[in-house]
Amino acid sequence: MDQNGPECEVCGLESQGFHFGVLSCRACSAFFRRTATVPKWHQKNCQKPSKCKNGEGQYHCKPCRLKRCIAVGMNTENFQFDRDGLVAKLKKPKLPKSFEMFVGRPEYVLFCTPGTSAQISNPKTLIDVSGLVNKASNVLLTGPEIPIIARDQLHKLAIGFSFLENTSTNMKDFPHSSKEDVLKIWEFYFLTVARWLTYFDEFQKLDHKIQMTLLLAIWHVWGRLDKLLATAINRRRGLCPTKNLLTLSNGVFIDMEHQEVDVDWMTNYEPEQVLTFIDGVRARELTKEIDPLVELEPSDIESAYMLAQLCFHYAGKRFAGEIQEICDHLQDVLAQNLHEYYQNEKKIDRYSGRLAKLIKINGAVQKNIWENRSKIKISKTFDMLSIETSHPEMFYDTGF
């Protein structure tokens, strides 16, 4: 994190902590406090179309600025939620109990006998995903498998991957996770996201190189939310009677308390020593977000919006510059589609409270990714994992 801290999610200036559940500056917080409870600003259209532009900090009228506040998750129910300064309130990520325990060496001295370095005694295992990346690239170039006619682009995404229909009821228990199992899950998510993106017309207009940059960045982010959405659906179906069960939309069934994980292919350390460094991508720390999803019971349209908003918001923050502008535009297109869905199909004019609850779950996923970066740095510093990948950018923020 830079010295100035994270940006306000509304205007892009430096934030001063969480306000109404969102990282924001005090000016945007004060604006939302004044306007959120005034019905007329929710109903008005843009008042300065020649000046208001898509993207952070480009809103010159109250209706557009208010829509941006709601779109990023501001909610009046979150008044006084962590409003003190960011530096004073953010909790430090929990570190392992001691370096000595996890690296198996004295805490401040790392012994290295000539000829027995980690590179020699523990040679790296190369994970070549070139074939998978090329396959996904061809998927994007070919376009959607089945042409879909829908009222808008968000509706297309919802049909392209319907959680209510595609989440498998044919459960496959994974009591023991091997290297092959992990690779299959990577392949499932990477290709599923590639196929899903072919139904997003605005994404298909992008240069292919930018498409691949975004796919390589967001596939694992999509996968984290997939686990939460699929588990929530299967809890409602009665297929997950206890809260230690986690499911993927392809039917993989994981008992988090009893699953054994083979880590020999990735490290010389014991499972309990190394798995903490990849718990983020395994979504173990996000299971508390499943209960709100069970209660909210999001529709396919809402699930598609959550997935897209989470992925493109993450990619925009990660890359900035041109890609951030593209991601902001993609989010704005889908936000407008969602607005029309609530008003025209669901006949809901005041939907900000429900939307804020959904976006709050996305915020928890993004916060978890950010907090796990410190653990990933420790893992890399002490060479915890003995693997190398052909495409490191694909595994950024995963721990691998």
Protein backbone atom coordinates (compact mmCIF):
# COMPACT_ATOMS: atom_id res chain seq x y z
CA MET A 1 0.00 0.00 0.00
CA ASP A 2 1.32 3.45 -0.81
CA GLN A 3 1.81 6.13 1.82
CA ASN A 4 -1.42 7.91 0.98
CA GLY A 5 -3.56 4.84 1.59
CA PRO A 6 -6.34 3.35 -0.58
CA GLU A 7 -8.51 5.53 -2.80
CA CYS A 8 -12.09 6.59 -2.16
CA GLU A 9 -14.23 4.16 -4.15
CA VAL A 10 -16.58 6.98 -5.18
CA CYS A 11 -14.33 9.83 -6.33
CA GLY A 12 -10.84 8.28 -6.45
CA LEU A 13 -9.23 10.69 -3.98
CA GLU A 14 -7.53 9.50 -0.79
CA SER A 15 -9.96 7.73 1.54
CA GLN A 16 -10.29 8.39 5.27
CA GLY A 17 -11.57 4.98 6.34
CA PHE A 18 -14.86 3.13 6.03
CA HIS A 19 -18.02 5.23 5.74
CA PHE A 20 -21.41 3.57 5.29
CA GLY A 21 -19.55 0.30 4.71
CA VAL A 22 -17.27 1.58 1.90
CA LEU A 23 -13.73 2.99 1.73
CA SER A 24 -14.42 6.64 1.02
CA CYS A 25 -13.32 10.20 1.71
CA ARG A 26 -15.21 12.39 4.17
CA ALA A 27 -16.59 14.58 1.38
CA CYS A 28 -18.33 11.64 -0.35
CA SER A 29 -19.47 10.33 3.03
CA ALA A 30 -21.03 13.69 3.89
CA PHE A 31 -22.66 13.88 0.45
CA PHE A 32 -24.22 10.43 0.86
CA ARG A 33 -25.44 11.30 4.37
CA ARG A 34 -27.23 14.39 3.00
CA THR A 35 -28.75 12.89 -0.13
CA ALA A 36 -29.37 9.18 0.49
CA THR A 37 -32.59 9.77 2.40
CA VAL A 38 -33.98 12.34 -0.05
CA PRO A 39 -36.23 10.44 -2.51
CA LYS A 40 -36.02 12.97 -5.33
CA TRP A 41 -32.31 12.36 -5.93
CA HIS A 42 -32.95 8.63 -6.42
CA GLN A 43 -35.55 9.38 -9.08
CA LYS A 44 -33.81 12.12 -11.05
CA ASN A 45 -31.76 11.51 -14.17
CA CYS A 46 -28.36 13.06 -14.94
CA GLN A 47 -28.56 16.87 -14.77
CA LYS A 48 -25.25 17.58 -16.52
CA PRO A 49 -24.89 15.03 -19.35
CA SER A 50 -22.21 17.12 -21.04
CA LYS A 51 -19.96 16.98 -17.96
CA CYS A 52 -20.74 13.71 -16.18
CA LYS A 53 -18.55 10.84 -17.38
CA ASN A 54 -18.20 7.20 -16.44
CA GLY A 55 -15.50 6.51 -13.86
CA GLU A 56 -14.36 7.67 -10.46
CA GLY A 57 -14.39 11.38 -9.85
CA GLN A 58 -16.24 12.22 -13.08
CA TYR A 59 -19.68 12.92 -11.62
CA HIS A 60 -20.77 16.58 -11.58
CA CYS A 61 -24.42 16.22 -10.59
CA LYS A 62 -26.09 14.82 -7.49
CA PRO A 63 -28.06 11.97 -9.14
CA CYS A 64 -24.96 10.53 -10.83
CA ARG A 65 -22.82 10.87 -7.72
CA LEU A 66 -25.51 9.22 -5.60
CA LYS A 67 -25.81 6.32 -8.07
CA ARG A 68 -22.04 5.85 -7.85
CA CYS A 69 -22.23 5.76 -4.03
CA ILE A 70 -24.93 3.09 -4.15
CA ALA A 71 -23.15 1.11 -6.88
CA VAL A 72 -19.99 0.72 -4.77
CA GLY A 73 -22.03 -0.43 -1.77
CA MET A 74 -22.81 2.58 0.43
CA ASN A 75 -25.76 1.87 2.68
CA THR A 76 -27.44 4.04 5.33
CA GLU A 77 -27.73 0.97 7.55
CA ASN A 78 -23.95 1.06 7.92
CA PHE A 79 -23.85 4.48 9.62
CA GLN A 80 -20.84 4.81 11.97
CA PHE A 81 -19.30 1.58 10.57
CA ASP A 82 -15.51 1.90 11.07
CA ARG A 83 -15.56 5.64 10.40
CA ASP A 84 -12.29 6.49 12.09
CA GLY A 85 -9.13 6.99 10.07
CA LEU A 86 -8.03 4.05 7.98
CA VAL A 87 -4.61 3.73 9.57
CA ALA A 88 -6.11 3.70 13.05
CA LYS A 89 -8.82 1.13 12.31
CA LEU A 90 -7.46 -1.44 9.88
CA LYS A 91 -6.47 -4.61 11.69
CA LYS A 92 -3.08 -6.07 10.98
CA PRO A 93 -3.28 -9.45 9.27
CA LYS A 94 -2.64 -12.37 11.59
CA LEU A 95 0.81 -13.84 11.07
CA PRO A 96 1.86 -17.40 11.85
CA LYS A 97 2.64 -17.98 15.52
CA SER A 98 6.36 -17.88 14.84
CA PHE A 99 8.71 -17.96 11.87
CA GLU A 100 10.67 -20.68 13.63
CA MET A 101 7.66 -23.00 13.59
CA PHE A 102 6.86 -22.48 9.92
CA VAL A 103 10.33 -22.42 8.41
CA GLY A 104 11.80 -25.09 10.68
CA ARG A 105 14.88 -23.00 11.48
CA PRO A 106 16.01 -20.64 14.27
CA GLU A 107 14.04 -17.43 14.17
CA TYR A 108 16.76 -14.97 13.20
CA VAL A 109 19.40 -17.19 11.57
CA LEU A 110 18.89 -19.04 8.29
CA PHE A 111 21.58 -21.70 7.84
CA CYS A 112 22.69 -22.54 4.34
CA THR A 113 25.31 -25.23 3.82
CA PRO A 114 27.17 -24.89 0.50
CA GLY A 115 25.68 -27.20 -2.11
CA THR A 116 22.45 -27.82 -0.15
CA SER A 117 20.48 -24.67 -0.89
CA ALA A 118 16.72 -24.80 -1.33
CA GLN A 119 17.22 -24.65 -5.09
CA ILE A 120 19.34 -27.82 -5.02
CA SER A 121 17.76 -29.88 -2.21
CA ASN A 122 14.22 -28.83 -3.11
CA PRO A 123 14.10 -28.31 -6.90
CA LYS A 124 11.11 -26.44 -8.26
CA THR A 125 8.19 -28.25 -9.86
CA LEU A 126 7.17 -26.50 -13.07
CA ILE A 127 3.43 -26.10 -13.63
CA ASP A 128 3.01 -25.43 -17.34
CA VAL A 129 -0.42 -23.93 -18.03
CA SER A 130 0.38 -22.83 -21.60
CA GLY A 131 -2.08 -25.29 -23.09
CA LEU A 132 -4.84 -24.11 -20.77
CA VAL A 133 -4.14 -20.45 -21.55
CA ASN A 134 -4.15 -21.14 -25.30
CA LYS A 135 -7.45 -23.04 -24.99
CA ALA A 136 -9.04 -20.11 -23.12
CA SER A 137 -7.66 -17.69 -25.71
CA ASN A 138 -9.38 -19.69 -28.46
CA VAL A 139 -12.62 -19.65 -26.49
CA LEU A 140 -12.57 -15.84 -26.41
CA LEU A 141 -11.69 -15.62 -30.10
CA THR A 142 -14.42 -18.07 -31.10
CA GLY A 143 -17.15 -16.38 -29.09
CA PRO A 144 -20.19 -17.84 -27.32
CA GLU A 145 -20.96 -21.53 -27.82
CA ILE A 146 -24.69 -20.80 -28.12
CA PRO A 147 -26.04 -17.46 -29.41
CA ILE A 148 -28.24 -15.83 -26.77
CA ILE A 149 -30.89 -13.20 -27.34
CA ALA A 150 -31.50 -11.19 -24.19
CA ARG A 151 -32.80 -7.76 -23.21
CA ASP A 152 -29.34 -6.50 -22.19
CA GLN A 153 -25.77 -7.57 -21.47
CA LEU A 154 -26.29 -8.40 -17.79
CA HIS A 155 -29.18 -10.67 -18.74
CA LYS A 156 -26.88 -12.41 -21.24
CA LEU A 157 -24.27 -13.03 -18.54
CA ALA A 158 -26.94 -14.41 -16.24
CA ILE A 159 -28.13 -16.84 -18.93
CA GLY A 160 -24.55 -17.67 -19.95
CA PHE A 161 -23.91 -19.11 -16.49
CA SER A 162 -27.05 -19.59 -14.43
CA PHE A 163 -26.11 -20.43 -10.85
CA LEU A 164 -29.62 -21.67 -10.15
CA GLU A 165 -29.46 -24.08 -13.11
CA ASN A 166 -25.73 -24.79 -13.46
CA THR A 167 -24.89 -25.49 -9.81
CA SER A 168 -24.68 -29.26 -9.85
CA THR A 169 -26.76 -31.49 -7.57
CA ASN A 170 -24.53 -34.44 -8.47
CA MET A 171 -22.14 -33.95 -5.56
CA LYS A 172 -18.57 -35.31 -5.74
CA ASP A 173 -16.90 -35.61 -2.35
CA PHE A 174 -13.20 -34.64 -2.22
CA PRO A 175 -11.95 -36.23 1.03
CA HIS A 176 -8.38 -36.14 -0.29
CA SER A 177 -7.11 -33.34 -2.56
CA SER A 178 -4.23 -34.30 -4.84
CA LYS A 179 -2.19 -32.29 -7.35
CA GLU A 180 -4.46 -33.55 -10.16
CA ASP A 181 -7.55 -32.39 -8.26
CA VAL A 182 -6.13 -28.89 -7.83
CA LEU A 183 -5.21 -28.66 -11.51
CA LYS A 184 -8.72 -29.77 -12.51
CA ILE A 185 -10.26 -27.03 -10.35
CA TRP A 186 -7.95 -24.43 -11.92
CA GLU A 187 -8.96 -25.64 -15.38
CA PHE A 188 -12.67 -25.60 -14.51
CA TYR A 189 -12.60 -22.01 -13.27
CA PHE A 190 -10.30 -20.63 -15.96
CA LEU A 191 -12.33 -22.04 -18.86
CA THR A 192 -15.69 -21.37 -17.21
CA VAL A 193 -14.84 -17.68 -16.78
CA ALA A 194 -13.54 -17.49 -20.37
CA ARG A 195 -16.81 -18.95 -21.71
CA TRP A 196 -18.85 -16.68 -19.43
CA LEU A 197 -17.08 -13.57 -20.72
CA THR A 198 -17.98 -14.43 -24.32
CA TYR A 199 -21.58 -13.50 -23.45
CA PHE A 200 -20.54 -9.97 -22.47
CA ASP A 201 -20.75 -7.97 -25.71
CA GLU A 202 -18.88 -4.97 -24.31
CA PHE A 203 -16.01 -7.24 -23.21
CA GLN A 204 -15.90 -8.87 -26.65
CA LYS A 205 -15.24 -5.45 -28.21
CA LEU A 206 -11.91 -5.17 -26.35
CA ASP A 207 -8.54 -5.91 -27.90
CA HIS A 208 -7.74 -9.61 -27.45
CA LYS A 209 -4.56 -8.85 -25.51
CA ILE A 210 -6.55 -6.85 -22.95
CA GLN A 211 -9.16 -9.61 -22.80
CA MET A 212 -6.46 -12.12 -21.87
CA THR A 213 -4.88 -9.76 -19.34
CA LEU A 214 -8.25 -9.45 -17.60
CA LEU A 215 -8.98 -13.19 -17.76
CA LEU A 216 -5.59 -14.09 -16.29
CA ALA A 217 -6.28 -11.64 -13.45
CA ILE A 218 -9.88 -12.37 -12.50
CA TRP A 219 -10.48 -16.12 -12.89
CA HIS A 220 -9.53 -16.94 -9.28
CA VAL A 221 -11.51 -13.94 -7.95
CA TRP A 222 -14.58 -15.27 -9.77
CA GLY A 223 -13.85 -18.68 -8.24
CA ARG A 224 -13.89 -17.37 -4.66
CA LEU A 225 -17.37 -15.91 -5.06
CA ASP A 226 -18.48 -19.02 -6.97
CA LYS A 227 -17.75 -21.12 -3.87
CA LEU A 228 -19.89 -18.82 -1.69
CA LEU A 229 -22.80 -18.60 -4.14
CA ALA A 230 -22.83 -22.34 -4.89
CA THR A 231 -22.65 -23.27 -1.20
CA ALA A 232 -25.51 -20.87 -0.39
CA ILE A 233 -27.65 -22.51 -3.11
CA ASN A 234 -26.87 -26.00 -1.85
CA ARG A 235 -27.63 -25.01 1.73
CA ARG A 236 -31.07 -23.89 0.59
CA ARG A 237 -31.44 -27.21 -1.25
CA GLY A 238 -30.57 -29.08 1.95
CA LEU A 239 -27.38 -30.57 0.44
CA CYS A 240 -25.07 -28.84 2.96
CA PRO A 241 -26.58 -29.65 6.36
CA THR A 242 -23.54 -28.41 8.32
CA LYS A 243 -21.53 -25.21 7.95
CA ASN A 244 -18.20 -26.99 7.54
CA LEU A 245 -19.24 -28.04 4.02
CA LEU A 246 -18.17 -26.00 0.99
CA THR A 247 -19.24 -26.65 -2.60
CA LEU A 248 -18.22 -25.47 -6.05
CA SER A 249 -20.74 -24.92 -8.82
CA ASN A 250 -19.39 -28.01 -10.65
CA GLY A 251 -20.50 -30.23 -7.75
CA VAL A 252 -17.17 -30.61 -5.92
CA PHE A 253 -18.01 -31.17 -2.25
CA ILE A 254 -15.44 -30.29 0.44
CA ASP A 255 -15.58 -31.03 4.16
CA MET A 256 -13.32 -28.27 5.45
CA GLU A 257 -12.74 -29.95 8.82
CA HIS A 258 -11.74 -33.38 7.52
CA GLN A 259 -10.33 -32.93 4.01
CA GLU A 260 -6.76 -34.13 3.60
CA VAL A 261 -4.56 -32.15 1.23
CA ASP A 262 -1.53 -33.62 -0.52
CA VAL A 263 1.10 -30.87 -0.46
CA ASP A 264 4.15 -32.98 -1.34
CA TRP A 265 4.08 -31.72 -4.92
CA MET A 266 4.25 -28.07 -3.86
CA THR A 267 6.39 -27.95 -0.70
CA ASN A 268 8.61 -29.82 1.77
CA TYR A 269 6.62 -28.45 4.70
CA GLU A 270 3.72 -30.06 6.52
CA PRO A 271 0.14 -29.26 5.39
CA GLU A 272 -0.72 -27.31 8.56
CA GLN A 273 2.40 -25.20 8.01
CA VAL A 274 1.78 -24.26 4.38
CA LEU A 275 -2.00 -24.26 3.80
CA THR A 276 -2.45 -21.05 5.80
CA PHE A 277 -0.62 -19.25 3.00
CA ILE A 278 -3.16 -20.29 0.34
CA ASP A 279 -6.32 -20.15 2.47
CA GLY A 280 -7.41 -16.98 0.63
CA VAL A 281 -7.91 -18.64 -2.76
CA ARG A 282 -9.46 -21.67 -1.01
CA ALA A 283 -12.13 -19.28 0.43
CA ARG A 284 -11.82 -20.80 3.91
CA GLU A 285 -11.76 -17.36 5.53
CA LEU A 286 -14.92 -16.20 3.74
CA THR A 287 -17.44 -18.80 4.88
CA LYS A 288 -19.14 -16.31 7.21
CA GLU A 289 -20.39 -14.55 4.07
CA ILE A 290 -22.48 -17.59 3.07
CA ASP A 291 -25.23 -16.96 5.66
CA PRO A 292 -26.12 -13.52 4.18
CA LEU A 293 -26.29 -15.11 0.71
CA VAL A 294 -28.64 -17.80 2.00
CA GLU A 295 -30.85 -15.09 3.47
CA LEU A 296 -30.73 -12.77 0.43
CA GLU A 297 -31.20 -15.61 -2.09
CA PRO A 298 -29.81 -13.60 -5.04
CA SER A 299 -31.34 -14.14 -8.48
CA ASP A 300 -29.22 -15.13 -11.47
CA ILE A 301 -29.21 -11.48 -12.57
CA GLU A 302 -27.93 -10.37 -9.15
CA SER A 303 -25.35 -13.19 -9.04
CA ALA A 304 -24.05 -12.23 -12.48
CA TYR A 305 -23.76 -8.61 -11.39
CA MET A 306 -21.94 -9.57 -8.17
CA LEU A 307 -19.42 -11.69 -10.10
CA ALA A 308 -18.80 -9.02 -12.74
CA GLN A 309 -18.62 -6.13 -10.27
CA LEU A 310 -16.19 -8.03 -8.02
CA CYS A 311 -13.93 -9.11 -10.88
CA PHE A 312 -13.77 -5.82 -12.78
CA HIS A 313 -13.41 -3.74 -9.62
CA TYR A 314 -10.49 -5.96 -8.55
CA ALA A 315 -8.83 -5.77 -11.99
CA GLY A 316 -9.27 -2.00 -12.17
CA LYS A 317 -7.57 -1.52 -8.79
CA ARG A 318 -4.80 -3.96 -9.65
CA PHE A 319 -3.79 -2.49 -13.01
CA ALA A 320 -5.01 1.14 -12.95
CA GLY A 321 -4.52 3.34 -16.04
CA GLU A 322 -6.25 2.25 -19.26
CA ILE A 323 -7.47 -1.03 -17.80
CA GLN A 324 -9.06 0.75 -14.85
CA GLU A 325 -10.95 3.01 -17.26
CA ILE A 326 -12.12 -0.04 -19.19
CA CYS A 327 -13.21 -1.82 -16.01
CA ASP A 328 -15.09 1.26 -14.79
CA HIS A 329 -16.93 1.41 -18.11
CA LEU A 330 -17.84 -2.28 -17.96
CA GLN A 331 -19.17 -1.85 -14.44
CA ASP A 332 -21.22 1.20 -15.43
CA VAL A 333 -22.84 -0.71 -18.31
CA LEU A 334 -23.86 -3.56 -16.01
CA ALA A 335 -24.96 -1.20 -13.21
CA GLN A 336 -27.38 0.47 -15.62
CA ASN A 337 -28.69 -2.95 -16.67
CA LEU A 338 -29.19 -3.88 -13.02
CA HIS A 339 -31.04 -0.63 -12.36
CA GLU A 340 -33.42 -1.39 -15.24
CA TYR A 341 -33.88 -4.97 -13.94
CA TYR A 342 -34.94 -3.73 -10.51
CA GLN A 343 -37.25 -1.03 -11.85
CA ASN A 344 -38.79 -2.74 -14.90
CA GLU A 345 -38.85 -6.43 -13.99
CA LYS A 346 -38.90 -6.50 -10.19
CA LYS A 347 -40.81 -3.19 -9.88
CA ILE A 348 -38.52 -2.05 -7.07
CA ASP A 349 -37.69 1.67 -7.02
CA ARG A 350 -35.78 1.73 -3.74
CA TYR A 351 -33.38 -1.18 -4.01
CA SER A 352 -30.28 0.47 -2.54
CA GLY A 353 -30.54 -1.43 0.76
CA ARG A 354 -30.60 -4.85 -0.89
CA LEU A 355 -27.87 -3.95 -3.36
CA ALA A 356 -25.66 -2.65 -0.56
CA LYS A 357 -25.92 -6.00 1.23
CA LEU A 358 -24.85 -7.85 -1.90
CA ILE A 359 -21.95 -5.47 -2.58
CA LYS A 360 -20.88 -5.75 1.06
CA ILE A 361 -20.17 -9.45 0.41
CA ASN A 362 -18.05 -8.47 -2.60
CA GLY A 363 -16.22 -6.01 -0.37
CA ALA A 364 -15.43 -8.79 2.10
CA VAL A 365 -13.91 -10.89 -0.71
CA GLN A 366 -11.76 -7.98 -1.91
CA LYS A 367 -10.66 -7.16 1.63
CA ASN A 368 -9.66 -10.80 2.17
CA ILE A 369 -7.54 -10.74 -1.01
CA TRP A 370 -5.79 -7.57 0.14
CA GLU A 371 -5.15 -8.90 3.66
CA ASN A 372 -3.70 -12.17 2.36
CA ARG A 373 -1.00 -10.37 0.37
CA SER A 374 1.15 -10.09 3.50
CA LYS A 375 1.01 -13.86 4.04
CA ILE A 376 1.89 -14.45 0.39
CA LYS A 377 4.94 -12.19 0.76
CA ILE A 378 6.09 -14.23 3.78
CA SER A 379 5.61 -17.45 1.82
CA LYS A 380 7.73 -16.18 -1.05
CA THR A 381 10.38 -14.69 1.25
CA PHE A 382 10.95 -18.05 2.94
CA ASP A 383 10.49 -20.06 -0.26
CA MET A 384 7.61 -22.05 1.25
CA LEU A 385 6.38 -23.40 -2.09
CA SER A 386 8.64 -25.35 -4.42
CA ILE A 387 6.70 -24.64 -7.62
CA GLU A 388 7.12 -22.36 -10.60
CA THR A 389 4.46 -21.59 -13.19
CA SER A 390 4.69 -20.81 -16.88
CA HIS A 391 2.33 -17.83 -16.39
CA PRO A 392 3.02 -16.19 -12.98
CA GLU A 393 0.53 -13.38 -13.73
CA MET A 394 -2.25 -15.98 -13.67
CA PHE A 395 -1.49 -16.81 -10.04
CA TYR A 396 -0.98 -13.33 -8.64
CA ASP A 397 -2.87 -13.05 -5.31
CA THR A 398 -3.52 -16.81 -5.18
CA GLY A 399 -0.57 -17.80 -2.97
CA PHE A 400 0.81 -20.20 -5.59
